[in-house]
Amino acid sequence: MPFLTVQGHRVHYVHRRPVPGERPPVVFIHGAGGTHQHWLFQVRDLPESPTYAPDLPGHGRSEGPGRDSIQAYGDWLVGFLNAAGLDRAVLVGHSMGGGVALDVAQRYPGRVAGLGLVAAGARLRVAPAILEAIRHNPEAAVELICAFAYSSEAVPELVRQGQRQMGETAIDVLDGDFIACDAFNVMDRLGEIAVPAAVLCGTQDNLTPTKYATYLRDHIPDATLHLVEGAGHMVMVENPGAVVQALVALLDRVAQKAKA
């Protein structure tokens, strides 16, 4: 699996380059305590676009410290784009990763061709009980987070796998991720987004419920909303096909805008 150097540390990522690759590259950004593994279906199945899914610093197999602000992760992501030789990409972020995608689109607009906001929000407040549990009882915190993250229809093994993956994240990294989420708020800046956006949300999402998605759709000038029936916060692993379908529609819109 490939590695790059970003901000002085080795970064692990997975990618796929279809032949021919006629669409813009797509970079997937995982959420708090996650890894690239949350995007494996989309990396594999999204047609015509080169796809990239890095582990954020301190996550998965990427080296370096985690960050405790969305802006710091945004700066890191631009560094990843530079290291990967990507002048412009469609950014697809899940939860915290959606915040990172929004941040880059607002502060580095020339680097973003489109946005996929999956189980995301313009504000990402974290329940105090979760922040407290991360610091004092990490195992219980991971169990609590995952209990909220999956729908009642999710396969139990999927939930157990999610717990195992998040449990492998260092506690200081997990704590920083949720601090970053809790401080994030761009509710009054969404009108700055000048690229096509697709907002995706599971109807059983208990962490970033459908009202978050509706707010994004209503306040981003060129946004569409895709509700995935029966899916929870981990919509891209619970119903990967629906997410791929929505992203294909987004890429069609990005291509149309590029030709206009």
C-alpha atoms as a PDB file:
ATOM      1  CA  MET A   1       0.000   0.000   0.000  1.00  0.00           C
ATOM      2  CA  PRO A   2       1.371   3.470  -0.873  1.00  0.00           C
ATOM      3  CA  PHE A   3       2.727   6.108   1.473  1.00  0.00           C
ATOM      4  CA  LEU A   4       3.394   9.822   1.036  1.00  0.00           C
ATOM      5  CA  THR A   5       5.110  12.369   3.242  1.00  0.00           C
ATOM      6  CA  VAL A   6       2.872  15.174   4.501  1.00  0.00           C
ATOM      7  CA  GLN A   7       4.025  17.787   7.003  1.00  0.00           C
ATOM      8  CA  GLY A   8       7.093  15.701   7.751  1.00  0.00           C
ATOM      9  CA  HIS A   9       5.330  12.407   8.509  1.00  0.00           C
ATOM     10  CA  ARG A  10       4.537   9.277   6.516  1.00  0.00           C
ATOM     11  CA  VAL A  11       0.914   9.025   5.447  1.00  0.00           C
ATOM     12  CA  HIS A  12      -0.790   5.828   4.429  1.00  0.00           C
ATOM     13  CA  TYR A  13      -3.542   5.865   1.809  1.00  0.00           C
ATOM     14  CA  VAL A  14      -5.332   3.601  -0.646  1.00  0.00           C
ATOM     15  CA  HIS A  15      -6.235   4.572  -4.171  1.00  0.00           C
ATOM     16  CA  ARG A  16      -7.641   3.325  -7.451  1.00  0.00           C
ATOM     17  CA  ARG A  17      -6.938   4.660 -10.924  1.00  0.00           C
ATOM     18  CA  PRO A  18      -9.498   3.428 -13.458  1.00  0.00           C
ATOM     19  CA  VAL A  19      -8.583   3.338 -17.112  1.00  0.00           C
ATOM     20  CA  PRO A  20      -9.642   5.629 -18.608  1.00  0.00           C
ATOM     21  CA  GLY A  21     -10.002   8.004 -15.674  1.00  0.00           C
ATOM     22  CA  GLU A  22     -11.972  10.833 -17.241  1.00  0.00           C
ATOM     23  CA  ARG A  23     -13.520  12.345 -14.124  1.00  0.00           C
ATOM     24  CA  PRO A  24     -11.791  14.551 -11.503  1.00  0.00           C
ATOM     25  CA  PRO A  25     -10.034  12.762  -8.664  1.00  0.00           C
ATOM     26  CA  VAL A  26     -12.025  12.075  -5.513  1.00  0.00           C
ATOM     27  CA  VAL A  27     -10.443  12.226  -2.063  1.00  0.00           C
ATOM     28  CA  PHE A  28     -12.313  10.563   0.799  1.00  0.00           C
ATOM     29  CA  ILE A  29     -11.856  11.871   4.351  1.00  0.00           C
ATOM     30  CA  HIS A  30     -12.849   9.660   7.258  1.00  0.00           C
ATOM     31  CA  GLY A  31     -14.414  10.819  10.492  1.00  0.00           C
ATOM     32  CA  ALA A  32     -13.314  11.024  14.122  1.00  0.00           C
ATOM     33  CA  GLY A  33     -11.393   7.960  15.231  1.00  0.00           C
ATOM     34  CA  GLY A  34     -11.787   6.386  11.799  1.00  0.00           C
ATOM     35  CA  THR A  35      -9.496   5.167   9.028  1.00  0.00           C
ATOM     36  CA  HIS A  36      -9.505   4.790   5.250  1.00  0.00           C
ATOM     37  CA  GLN A  37     -11.270   1.451   5.724  1.00  0.00           C
ATOM     38  CA  HIS A  38     -14.612   3.219   6.037  1.00  0.00           C
ATOM     39  CA  TRP A  39     -14.336   4.158   2.359  1.00  0.00           C
ATOM     40  CA  LEU A  40     -13.155   0.906   0.780  1.00  0.00           C
ATOM     41  CA  PHE A  41     -16.415   0.251  -1.090  1.00  0.00           C
ATOM     42  CA  GLN A  42     -16.465   3.747  -2.589  1.00  0.00           C
ATOM     43  CA  VAL A  43     -12.766   3.716  -3.500  1.00  0.00           C
ATOM     44  CA  ARG A  44     -13.346   0.465  -5.355  1.00  0.00           C
ATOM     45  CA  ASP A  45     -16.727   1.095  -6.947  1.00  0.00           C
ATOM     46  CA  LEU A  46     -16.784   4.747  -7.997  1.00  0.00           C
ATOM     47  CA  PRO A  47     -16.383   4.628 -11.797  1.00  0.00           C
ATOM     48  CA  GLU A  48     -14.170   6.810 -14.005  1.00  0.00           C
ATOM     49  CA  SER A  49     -12.575   8.849 -11.185  1.00  0.00           C
ATOM     50  CA  PRO A  50      -9.202   8.264  -9.571  1.00  0.00           C
ATOM     51  CA  THR A  51     -10.006   7.716  -5.891  1.00  0.00           C
ATOM     52  CA  TYR A  52      -7.869   8.323  -2.807  1.00  0.00           C
ATOM     53  CA  ALA A  53      -8.582   7.571   0.857  1.00  0.00           C
ATOM     54  CA  PRO A  54      -5.844   8.560   3.325  1.00  0.00           C
ATOM     55  CA  ASP A  55      -5.557   7.771   6.999  1.00  0.00           C
ATOM     56  CA  LEU A  56      -5.502  11.127   8.771  1.00  0.00           C
ATOM     57  CA  PRO A  57      -2.378  11.731  10.898  1.00  0.00           C
ATOM     58  CA  GLY A  58      -2.306   9.526  13.977  1.00  0.00           C
ATOM     59  CA  HIS A  59      -5.007   7.279  12.526  1.00  0.00           C
ATOM     60  CA  GLY A  60      -4.652   3.848  10.962  1.00  0.00           C
ATOM     61  CA  ARG A  61      -1.162   3.466   9.551  1.00  0.00           C
ATOM     62  CA  SER A  62      -0.386   7.182   9.217  1.00  0.00           C
ATOM     63  CA  GLU A  63       2.329   8.631  11.425  1.00  0.00           C
ATOM     64  CA  GLY A  64       2.361  11.902  13.294  1.00  0.00           C
ATOM     65  CA  PRO A  65       0.151  13.459  15.946  1.00  0.00           C
ATOM     66  CA  GLY A  66      -3.572  13.867  15.512  1.00  0.00           C
ATOM     67  CA  ARG A  67      -5.011  17.368  15.412  1.00  0.00           C
ATOM     68  CA  ASP A  68      -7.467  19.123  17.700  1.00  0.00           C
ATOM     69  CA  SER A  69      -9.054  21.531  15.208  1.00  0.00           C
ATOM     70  CA  ILE A  70     -10.839  21.128  11.903  1.00  0.00           C
ATOM     71  CA  GLN A  71      -8.663  23.884  10.423  1.00  0.00           C
ATOM     72  CA  ALA A  72      -5.489  21.983  11.298  1.00  0.00           C
ATOM     73  CA  TYR A  73      -6.864  18.904   9.557  1.00  0.00           C
ATOM     74  CA  GLY A  74      -7.828  21.128   6.615  1.00  0.00           C
ATOM     75  CA  ASP A  75      -4.269  22.400   6.289  1.00  0.00           C
ATOM     76  CA  TRP A  76      -3.031  18.818   6.497  1.00  0.00           C
ATOM     77  CA  LEU A  77      -5.425  17.734   3.737  1.00  0.00           C
ATOM     78  CA  VAL A  78      -4.129  20.451   1.413  1.00  0.00           C
ATOM     79  CA  GLY A  79      -0.662  19.092   2.149  1.00  0.00           C
ATOM     80  CA  PHE A  80      -1.893  15.650   1.127  1.00  0.00           C
ATOM     81  CA  LEU A  81      -3.280  17.041  -2.142  1.00  0.00           C
ATOM     82  CA  ASN A  82       0.099  18.638  -2.821  1.00  0.00           C
ATOM     83  CA  ALA A  83       2.010  15.458  -2.051  1.00  0.00           C
ATOM     84  CA  ALA A  84      -0.320  13.395  -4.252  1.00  0.00           C
ATOM     85  CA  GLY A  85       0.015  15.859  -7.142  1.00  0.00           C
ATOM     86  CA  LEU A  86      -3.670  16.779  -7.102  1.00  0.00           C
ATOM     87  CA  ASP A  87      -4.290  20.375  -8.094  1.00  0.00           C
ATOM     88  CA  ARG A  88      -8.057  20.069  -7.657  1.00  0.00           C
ATOM     89  CA  ALA A  89     -10.281  17.285  -6.357  1.00  0.00           C
ATOM     90  CA  VAL A  90     -13.794  16.423  -5.278  1.00  0.00           C
ATOM     91  CA  LEU A  91     -13.650  16.106  -1.491  1.00  0.00           C
ATOM     92  CA  VAL A  92     -15.961  13.584   0.158  1.00  0.00           C
ATOM     93  CA  GLY A  93     -15.979  13.693   3.954  1.00  0.00           C
ATOM     94  CA  HIS A  94     -17.777  11.701   6.614  1.00  0.00           C
ATOM     95  CA  SER A  95     -18.818  13.437   9.846  1.00  0.00           C
ATOM     96  CA  MET A  96     -15.615  15.176  11.048  1.00  0.00           C
ATOM     97  CA  GLY A  97     -14.250  14.579   7.543  1.00  0.00           C
ATOM     98  CA  GLY A  98     -17.214  16.533   6.192  1.00  0.00           C
ATOM     99  CA  GLY A  99     -16.161  19.432   8.384  1.00  0.00           C
ATOM    100  CA  VAL A 100     -12.648  19.172   6.983  1.00  0.00           C
ATOM    101  CA  ALA A 101     -14.016  19.190   3.436  1.00  0.00           C
ATOM    102  CA  LEU A 102     -16.111  22.290   4.181  1.00  0.00           C
ATOM    103  CA  ASP A 103     -13.111  24.009   5.751  1.00  0.00           C
ATOM    104  CA  VAL A 104     -10.903  23.383   2.713  1.00  0.00           C
ATOM    105  CA  ALA A 105     -13.675  24.496   0.331  1.00  0.00           C
ATOM    106  CA  GLN A 106     -13.966  27.786   2.234  1.00  0.00           C
ATOM    107  CA  ARG A 107     -10.267  28.535   2.829  1.00  0.00           C
ATOM    108  CA  TYR A 108      -8.756  26.920  -0.292  1.00  0.00           C
ATOM    109  CA  PRO A 109     -11.592  27.172  -2.841  1.00  0.00           C
ATOM    110  CA  GLY A 110      -9.299  26.722  -5.830  1.00  0.00           C
ATOM    111  CA  ARG A 111      -8.442  23.201  -4.694  1.00  0.00           C
ATOM    112  CA  VAL A 112     -12.020  21.895  -4.572  1.00  0.00           C
ATOM    113  CA  ALA A 113     -14.111  20.835  -7.588  1.00  0.00           C
ATOM    114  CA  GLY A 114     -17.061  19.467  -5.626  1.00  0.00           C
ATOM    115  CA  LEU A 115     -18.160  18.366  -2.162  1.00  0.00           C
ATOM    116  CA  GLY A 116     -19.667  15.160  -0.855  1.00  0.00           C
ATOM    117  CA  LEU A 117     -20.898  15.693   2.711  1.00  0.00           C
ATOM    118  CA  VAL A 118     -21.759  12.348   4.265  1.00  0.00           C
ATOM    119  CA  ALA A 119     -23.415  12.290   7.697  1.00  0.00           C
ATOM    120  CA  ALA A 120     -22.002  15.765   8.232  1.00  0.00           C
ATOM    121  CA  GLY A 121     -23.097  19.116   9.590  1.00  0.00           C
ATOM    122  CA  ALA A 122     -22.269  22.806   9.579  1.00  0.00           C
ATOM    123  CA  ARG A 123     -21.900  22.429  13.335  1.00  0.00           C
ATOM    124  CA  LEU A 124     -20.689  19.252  15.038  1.00  0.00           C
ATOM    125  CA  ARG A 125     -21.388  19.596  18.742  1.00  0.00           C
ATOM    126  CA  VAL A 126     -20.423  16.588  20.832  1.00  0.00           C
ATOM    127  CA  ALA A 127     -22.401  15.408  23.837  1.00  0.00           C
ATOM    128  CA  PRO A 128     -20.474  16.232  27.048  1.00  0.00           C
ATOM    129  CA  ALA A 129     -20.939  12.636  28.173  1.00  0.00           C
ATOM    130  CA  ILE A 130     -18.887  11.443  25.189  1.00  0.00           C
ATOM    131  CA  LEU A 131     -16.075  13.935  25.820  1.00  0.00           C
ATOM    132  CA  GLU A 132     -15.998  12.960  29.483  1.00  0.00           C
ATOM    133  CA  ALA A 133     -16.018   9.251  28.740  1.00  0.00           C
ATOM    134  CA  ILE A 134     -13.136   9.504  26.242  1.00  0.00           C
ATOM    135  CA  ARG A 135     -10.917  10.968  28.949  1.00  0.00           C
ATOM    136  CA  HIS A 136     -11.919   8.728  31.838  1.00  0.00           C
ATOM    137  CA  ASN A 137     -13.258   5.486  30.374  1.00  0.00           C
ATOM    138  CA  PRO A 138     -12.142   5.163  26.735  1.00  0.00           C
ATOM    139  CA  GLU A 139     -13.509   1.635  26.264  1.00  0.00           C
ATOM    140  CA  ALA A 140     -16.960   2.722  27.399  1.00  0.00           C
ATOM    141  CA  ALA A 141     -16.687   5.826  25.208  1.00  0.00           C
ATOM    142  CA  VAL A 142     -16.013   3.773  22.088  1.00  0.00           C
ATOM    143  CA  GLU A 143     -18.924   1.480  22.920  1.00  0.00           C
ATOM    144  CA  LEU A 144     -21.213   4.480  23.454  1.00  0.00           C
ATOM    145  CA  ILE A 145     -20.161   6.188  20.217  1.00  0.00           C
ATOM    146  CA  CYS A 146     -20.646   3.040  18.155  1.00  0.00           C
ATOM    147  CA  ALA A 147     -24.037   2.387  19.782  1.00  0.00           C
ATOM    148  CA  PHE A 148     -25.180   5.717  18.335  1.00  0.00           C
ATOM    149  CA  ALA A 149     -23.274   5.412  15.046  1.00  0.00           C
ATOM    150  CA  TYR A 150     -25.080   2.430  13.517  1.00  0.00           C
ATOM    151  CA  SER A 151     -28.743   1.964  12.714  1.00  0.00           C
ATOM    152  CA  SER A 152     -30.930  -0.662  14.359  1.00  0.00           C
ATOM    153  CA  GLU A 153     -30.801  -2.554  11.048  1.00  0.00           C
ATOM    154  CA  ALA A 154     -26.998  -2.775  10.911  1.00  0.00           C
ATOM    155  CA  VAL A 155     -25.465  -6.238  10.933  1.00  0.00           C
ATOM    156  CA  PRO A 156     -24.056  -6.868  14.465  1.00  0.00           C
ATOM    157  CA  GLU A 157     -20.646  -7.869  13.099  1.00  0.00           C
ATOM    158  CA  LEU A 158     -20.447  -4.501  11.341  1.00  0.00           C
ATOM    159  CA  VAL A 159     -20.939  -2.761  14.681  1.00  0.00           C
ATOM    160  CA  ARG A 160     -18.349  -4.969  16.390  1.00  0.00           C
ATOM    161  CA  GLN A 161     -15.873  -4.271  13.595  1.00  0.00           C
ATOM    162  CA  GLY A 162     -16.462  -0.539  14.004  1.00  0.00           C
ATOM    163  CA  GLN A 163     -15.780  -0.799  17.736  1.00  0.00           C
ATOM    164  CA  ARG A 164     -12.554  -2.695  17.113  1.00  0.00           C
ATOM    165  CA  GLN A 165     -11.341  -0.138  14.576  1.00  0.00           C
ATOM    166  CA  MET A 166     -12.114   2.898  16.742  1.00  0.00           C
ATOM    167  CA  GLY A 167     -10.664   1.140  19.790  1.00  0.00           C
ATOM    168  CA  GLU A 168      -7.309   0.952  18.000  1.00  0.00           C
ATOM    169  CA  THR A 169      -7.104   4.764  17.793  1.00  0.00           C
ATOM    170  CA  ALA A 170      -4.883   6.310  20.466  1.00  0.00           C
ATOM    171  CA  ILE A 171      -6.913   8.052  23.154  1.00  0.00           C
ATOM    172  CA  ASP A 172      -5.182  11.408  22.715  1.00  0.00           C
ATOM    173  CA  VAL A 173      -5.973  11.289  18.986  1.00  0.00           C
ATOM    174  CA  LEU A 174      -9.607  10.360  19.637  1.00  0.00           C
ATOM    175  CA  ASP A 175      -9.902  13.114  22.224  1.00  0.00           C
ATOM    176  CA  GLY A 176      -8.433  15.660  19.791  1.00  0.00           C
ATOM    177  CA  ASP A 177     -10.849  14.588  17.067  1.00  0.00           C
ATOM    178  CA  PHE A 178     -13.892  15.145  19.230  1.00  0.00           C
ATOM    179  CA  ILE A 179     -12.527  18.445  20.573  1.00  0.00           C
ATOM    180  CA  ALA A 180     -12.159  19.525  16.940  1.00  0.00           C
ATOM    181  CA  CYS A 181     -15.715  18.494  16.150  1.00  0.00           C
ATOM    182  CA  ASP A 182     -17.177  20.220  19.199  1.00  0.00           C
ATOM    183  CA  ALA A 183     -15.553  23.553  18.284  1.00  0.00           C
ATOM    184  CA  PHE A 184     -16.533  23.409  14.596  1.00  0.00           C
ATOM    185  CA  ASN A 185     -19.212  25.830  13.430  1.00  0.00           C
ATOM    186  CA  VAL A 186     -19.597  27.263   9.917  1.00  0.00           C
ATOM    187  CA  MET A 187     -23.374  27.680   9.966  1.00  0.00           C
ATOM    188  CA  ASP A 188     -23.103  31.307   8.823  1.00  0.00           C
ATOM    189  CA  ARG A 189     -20.499  30.646   6.099  1.00  0.00           C
ATOM    190  CA  LEU A 190     -22.139  28.012   3.901  1.00  0.00           C
ATOM    191  CA  GLY A 191     -23.080  30.613   1.300  1.00  0.00           C
ATOM    192  CA  GLU A 192     -19.370  30.858   0.433  1.00  0.00           C
ATOM    193  CA  ILE A 193     -19.392  27.365  -1.099  1.00  0.00           C
ATOM    194  CA  ALA A 194     -19.214  27.843  -4.878  1.00  0.00           C
ATOM    195  CA  VAL A 195     -19.009  24.224  -6.074  1.00  0.00           C
ATOM    196  CA  PRO A 196     -21.634  21.506  -6.518  1.00  0.00           C
ATOM    197  CA  ALA A 197     -22.322  19.616  -3.297  1.00  0.00           C
ATOM    198  CA  ALA A 198     -24.110  16.386  -2.460  1.00  0.00           C
ATOM    199  CA  VAL A 199     -25.402  15.980   1.093  1.00  0.00           C
ATOM    200  CA  LEU A 200     -26.029  12.396   2.226  1.00  0.00           C
ATOM    201  CA  CYS A 201     -27.665  11.259   5.445  1.00  0.00           C
ATOM    202  CA  GLY A 202     -29.162   8.045   6.779  1.00  0.00           C
ATOM    203  CA  THR A 203     -32.701   8.358   8.056  1.00  0.00           C
ATOM    204  CA  GLN A 204     -31.636   6.626  11.292  1.00  0.00           C
ATOM    205  CA  ASP A 205     -28.597   8.835  11.906  1.00  0.00           C
ATOM    206  CA  ASN A 206     -28.574   9.673  15.620  1.00  0.00           C
ATOM    207  CA  LEU A 207     -25.310  11.676  15.610  1.00  0.00           C
ATOM    208  CA  THR A 208     -25.842  14.035  12.672  1.00  0.00           C
ATOM    209  CA  PRO A 209     -29.605  13.716  12.109  1.00  0.00           C
ATOM    210  CA  THR A 210     -31.477  14.646   8.977  1.00  0.00           C
ATOM    211  CA  LYS A 211     -32.061  18.225  10.167  1.00  0.00           C
ATOM    212  CA  TYR A 212     -28.286  18.751   9.870  1.00  0.00           C
ATOM    213  CA  ALA A 213     -28.375  17.507   6.287  1.00  0.00           C
ATOM    214  CA  THR A 214     -31.404  19.628   5.443  1.00  0.00           C
ATOM    215  CA  TYR A 215     -29.634  22.718   6.789  1.00  0.00           C
ATOM    216  CA  LEU A 216     -26.627  22.025   4.574  1.00  0.00           C
ATOM    217  CA  ARG A 217     -28.875  21.521   1.530  1.00  0.00           C
ATOM    218  CA  ASP A 218     -30.791  24.725   2.222  1.00  0.00           C
ATOM    219  CA  HIS A 219     -27.734  26.942   2.798  1.00  0.00           C
ATOM    220  CA  ILE A 220     -25.164  25.704   0.271  1.00  0.00           C
ATOM    221  CA  PRO A 221     -26.062  27.395  -3.035  1.00  0.00           C
ATOM    222  CA  ASP A 222     -25.674  24.323  -5.301  1.00  0.00           C
ATOM    223  CA  ALA A 223     -26.487  21.377  -3.036  1.00  0.00           C
ATOM    224  CA  THR A 224     -28.662  18.311  -3.384  1.00  0.00           C
ATOM    225  CA  LEU A 225     -29.913  16.102  -0.548  1.00  0.00           C
ATOM    226  CA  HIS A 226     -29.857  12.297  -0.617  1.00  0.00           C
ATOM    227  CA  LEU A 227     -31.574  10.499   2.269  1.00  0.00           C
ATOM    228  CA  VAL A 228     -30.675   6.818   2.648  1.00  0.00           C
ATOM    229  CA  GLU A 229     -33.603   4.949   4.149  1.00  0.00           C
ATOM    230  CA  GLY A 230     -32.817   2.861   7.216  1.00  0.00           C
ATOM    231  CA  ALA A 231     -29.122   3.753   7.415  1.00  0.00           C
ATOM    232  CA  GLY A 232     -27.385   5.268  10.417  1.00  0.00           C
ATOM    233  CA  HIS A 233     -24.388   7.538  10.842  1.00  0.00           C
ATOM    234  CA  MET A 234     -22.098   4.999   9.175  1.00  0.00           C
ATOM    235  CA  VAL A 235     -24.155   5.173   6.001  1.00  0.00           C
ATOM    236  CA  MET A 236     -21.207   4.537   3.667  1.00  0.00           C
ATOM    237  CA  VAL A 237     -20.592   1.094   5.174  1.00  0.00           C
ATOM    238  CA  GLU A 238     -24.231   0.259   5.910  1.00  0.00           C
ATOM    239  CA  ASN A 239     -25.424   1.060   2.380  1.00  0.00           C
ATOM    240  CA  PRO A 240     -22.323   1.625   0.228  1.00  0.00           C
ATOM    241  CA  GLY A 241     -24.217   1.324  -3.059  1.00  0.00           C
ATOM    242  CA  ALA A 242     -26.527   4.222  -2.258  1.00  0.00           C
ATOM    243  CA  VAL A 243     -23.548   6.416  -1.435  1.00  0.00           C
ATOM    244  CA  VAL A 244     -21.791   5.488  -4.682  1.00  0.00           C
ATOM    245  CA  GLN A 245     -24.957   6.283  -6.647  1.00  0.00           C
ATOM    246  CA  ALA A 246     -25.267   9.728  -5.061  1.00  0.00           C
ATOM    247  CA  LEU A 247     -21.594  10.463  -5.697  1.00  0.00           C
ATOM    248  CA  VAL A 248     -21.900   9.465  -9.369  1.00  0.00           C
ATOM    249  CA  ALA A 249     -24.701  12.038  -9.668  1.00  0.00           C
ATOM    250  CA  LEU A 250     -22.453  14.616  -7.998  1.00  0.00           C
ATOM    251  CA  LEU A 251     -19.610  13.897 -10.415  1.00  0.00           C
ATOM    252  CA  ASP A 252     -22.026  14.329 -13.329  1.00  0.00           C
ATOM    253  CA  ARG A 253     -22.876  17.797 -12.005  1.00  0.00           C
ATOM    254  CA  VAL A 254     -19.207  18.656 -11.497  1.00  0.00           C
ATOM    255  CA  ALA A 255     -18.474  17.606 -15.094  1.00  0.00           C
ATOM    256  CA  GLN A 256     -21.390  19.682 -16.422  1.00  0.00           C
ATOM    257  CA  LYS A 257     -20.179  22.745 -14.531  1.00  0.00           C
ATOM    258  CA  ALA A 258     -16.656  22.302 -15.886  1.00  0.00           C
ATOM    259  CA  LYS A 259     -18.034  22.324 -19.460  1.00  0.00           C
ATOM    260  CA  ALA A 260     -20.250  25.385 -18.919  1.00  0.00           C
END
